[in-house]
């Protein structure tokens, strides 16, 4: 997650402010997010039909408007 970002912040995850891992169902939790703009980047590997690892990425821009809101974001990824 990149704080204060309104557009793609690049694929280098070390340039992001917070990193989390997904669970076995693809769910993730950033905990408390304050009001503002964020860019969420998803990066990982997909195992294809030949059992090869294929890197995938995707991302979305989000705006948090209230500290009390519960948000669910789906991030599409592709090679």
C-alpha atoms as a PDB file:
ATOM      1  CA  UNK A   1       0.000   0.000   0.000  1.00  0.00           C
ATOM      2  CA  UNK A   2       1.302   3.436  -0.917  1.00  0.00           C
ATOM      3  CA  UNK A   3      -0.026   6.323   1.186  1.00  0.00           C
ATOM      4  CA  UNK A   4      -1.057   9.548  -0.545  1.00  0.00           C
ATOM      5  CA  UNK A   5      -0.887   7.958  -4.017  1.00  0.00           C
ATOM      6  CA  UNK A   6      -3.548   8.692  -6.635  1.00  0.00           C
ATOM      7  CA  UNK A   7      -2.002   6.611  -9.408  1.00  0.00           C
ATOM      8  CA  UNK A   8       0.239   3.600 -10.052  1.00  0.00           C
ATOM      9  CA  UNK A   9       3.355   3.909  -7.920  1.00  0.00           C
ATOM     10  CA  UNK A  10       5.496   1.364  -9.791  1.00  0.00           C
ATOM     11  CA  UNK A  11       6.066  -2.361  -9.411  1.00  0.00           C
ATOM     12  CA  UNK A  12       8.966  -2.151  -6.930  1.00  0.00           C
ATOM     13  CA  UNK A  13       7.318  -3.256  -3.674  1.00  0.00           C
ATOM     14  CA  UNK A  14      10.147  -1.723  -1.624  1.00  0.00           C
ATOM     15  CA  UNK A  15       8.782   1.702  -2.637  1.00  0.00           C
ATOM     16  CA  UNK A  16       5.455   0.996  -0.899  1.00  0.00           C
ATOM     17  CA  UNK A  17       4.700   1.977   2.701  1.00  0.00           C
ATOM     18  CA  UNK A  18       2.997  -1.194   3.959  1.00  0.00           C
ATOM     19  CA  UNK A  19       3.290  -4.806   2.816  1.00  0.00           C
ATOM     20  CA  UNK A  20       0.889  -7.607   3.774  1.00  0.00           C
ATOM     21  CA  UNK A  21       0.452 -11.209   2.677  1.00  0.00           C
ATOM     22  CA  UNK A  22      -2.782 -12.819   1.578  1.00  0.00           C
ATOM     23  CA  UNK A  23      -4.277 -15.879   3.206  1.00  0.00           C
ATOM     24  CA  UNK A  24      -5.094 -19.125   1.381  1.00  0.00           C
ATOM     25  CA  UNK A  25      -8.330 -17.547   0.078  1.00  0.00           C
ATOM     26  CA  UNK A  26      -6.627 -14.403  -1.240  1.00  0.00           C
ATOM     27  CA  UNK A  27      -7.881 -12.199   1.601  1.00  0.00           C
ATOM     28  CA  UNK A  28      -5.771  -9.460   3.149  1.00  0.00           C
ATOM     29  CA  UNK A  29      -6.160  -6.915   5.958  1.00  0.00           C
ATOM     30  CA  UNK A  30      -4.364  -3.600   6.341  1.00  0.00           C
ATOM     31  CA  UNK A  31      -5.963  -2.912   9.723  1.00  0.00           C
ATOM     32  CA  UNK A  32      -6.772   0.747  10.348  1.00  0.00           C
ATOM     33  CA  UNK A  33      -6.555   2.949   7.265  1.00  0.00           C
ATOM     34  CA  UNK A  34      -6.958   6.685   7.758  1.00  0.00           C
ATOM     35  CA  UNK A  35      -8.853   9.012   5.457  1.00  0.00           C
ATOM     36  CA  UNK A  36      -6.983   9.717   2.253  1.00  0.00           C
ATOM     37  CA  UNK A  37      -5.772   8.332  -1.056  1.00  0.00           C
ATOM     38  CA  UNK A  38      -3.955   5.022  -1.428  1.00  0.00           C
ATOM     39  CA  UNK A  39      -2.669   2.795  -4.183  1.00  0.00           C
ATOM     40  CA  UNK A  40      -2.923  -0.952  -3.528  1.00  0.00           C
ATOM     41  CA  UNK A  41      -0.531  -3.163  -5.494  1.00  0.00           C
ATOM     42  CA  UNK A  42      -0.910  -6.937  -5.689  1.00  0.00           C
ATOM     43  CA  UNK A  43       2.118  -8.939  -6.814  1.00  0.00           C
ATOM     44  CA  UNK A  44       2.726 -12.645  -6.761  1.00  0.00           C
ATOM     45  CA  UNK A  45       3.134 -15.809  -8.780  1.00  0.00           C
ATOM     46  CA  UNK A  46       0.604 -18.000 -10.541  1.00  0.00           C
ATOM     47  CA  UNK A  47       1.333 -21.672 -11.221  1.00  0.00           C
ATOM     48  CA  UNK A  48       0.225 -22.441 -14.794  1.00  0.00           C
ATOM     49  CA  UNK A  49      -0.875 -25.767 -16.319  1.00  0.00           C
ATOM     50  CA  UNK A  50       2.781 -26.735 -17.028  1.00  0.00           C
ATOM     51  CA  UNK A  51       3.588 -26.179 -13.336  1.00  0.00           C
ATOM     52  CA  UNK A  52       5.611 -23.061 -14.183  1.00  0.00           C
ATOM     53  CA  UNK A  53       5.587 -19.977 -11.997  1.00  0.00           C
ATOM     54  CA  UNK A  54       4.262 -16.911 -13.831  1.00  0.00           C
ATOM     55  CA  UNK A  55       4.641 -13.466 -12.170  1.00  0.00           C
ATOM     56  CA  UNK A  56       1.374 -11.506 -11.914  1.00  0.00           C
ATOM     57  CA  UNK A  57       0.625  -7.946 -10.805  1.00  0.00           C
ATOM     58  CA  UNK A  58      -2.325  -5.617 -10.555  1.00  0.00           C
ATOM     59  CA  UNK A  59      -3.400  -2.600  -8.606  1.00  0.00           C
ATOM     60  CA  UNK A  60      -6.129  -0.136  -7.783  1.00  0.00           C
ATOM     61  CA  UNK A  61      -6.433   3.411  -6.501  1.00  0.00           C
ATOM     62  CA  UNK A  62      -8.696   3.772  -3.454  1.00  0.00           C
ATOM     63  CA  UNK A  63      -9.968   6.701  -1.412  1.00  0.00           C
ATOM     64  CA  UNK A  64     -10.847   6.212   2.240  1.00  0.00           C
ATOM     65  CA  UNK A  65     -13.458   8.747   3.323  1.00  0.00           C
ATOM     66  CA  UNK A  66     -14.149   7.617   6.883  1.00  0.00           C
ATOM     67  CA  UNK A  67     -12.091   5.832   9.553  1.00  0.00           C
ATOM     68  CA  UNK A  68     -15.176   3.847  10.544  1.00  0.00           C
ATOM     69  CA  UNK A  69     -15.913   2.326   7.141  1.00  0.00           C
ATOM     70  CA  UNK A  70     -15.157  -1.311   6.370  1.00  0.00           C
ATOM     71  CA  UNK A  71     -13.862  -1.718   2.828  1.00  0.00           C
ATOM     72  CA  UNK A  72     -13.457  -4.717   0.575  1.00  0.00           C
ATOM     73  CA  UNK A  73     -11.338  -4.331  -2.545  1.00  0.00           C
ATOM     74  CA  UNK A  74     -10.785  -6.936  -5.239  1.00  0.00           C
ATOM     75  CA  UNK A  75      -7.539  -6.478  -7.141  1.00  0.00           C
ATOM     76  CA  UNK A  76      -7.361  -8.137 -10.552  1.00  0.00           C
ATOM     77  CA  UNK A  77      -3.924  -9.477 -11.475  1.00  0.00           C
ATOM     78  CA  UNK A  78      -2.471 -10.545 -14.822  1.00  0.00           C
ATOM     79  CA  UNK A  79       0.922 -11.573 -16.219  1.00  0.00           C
END
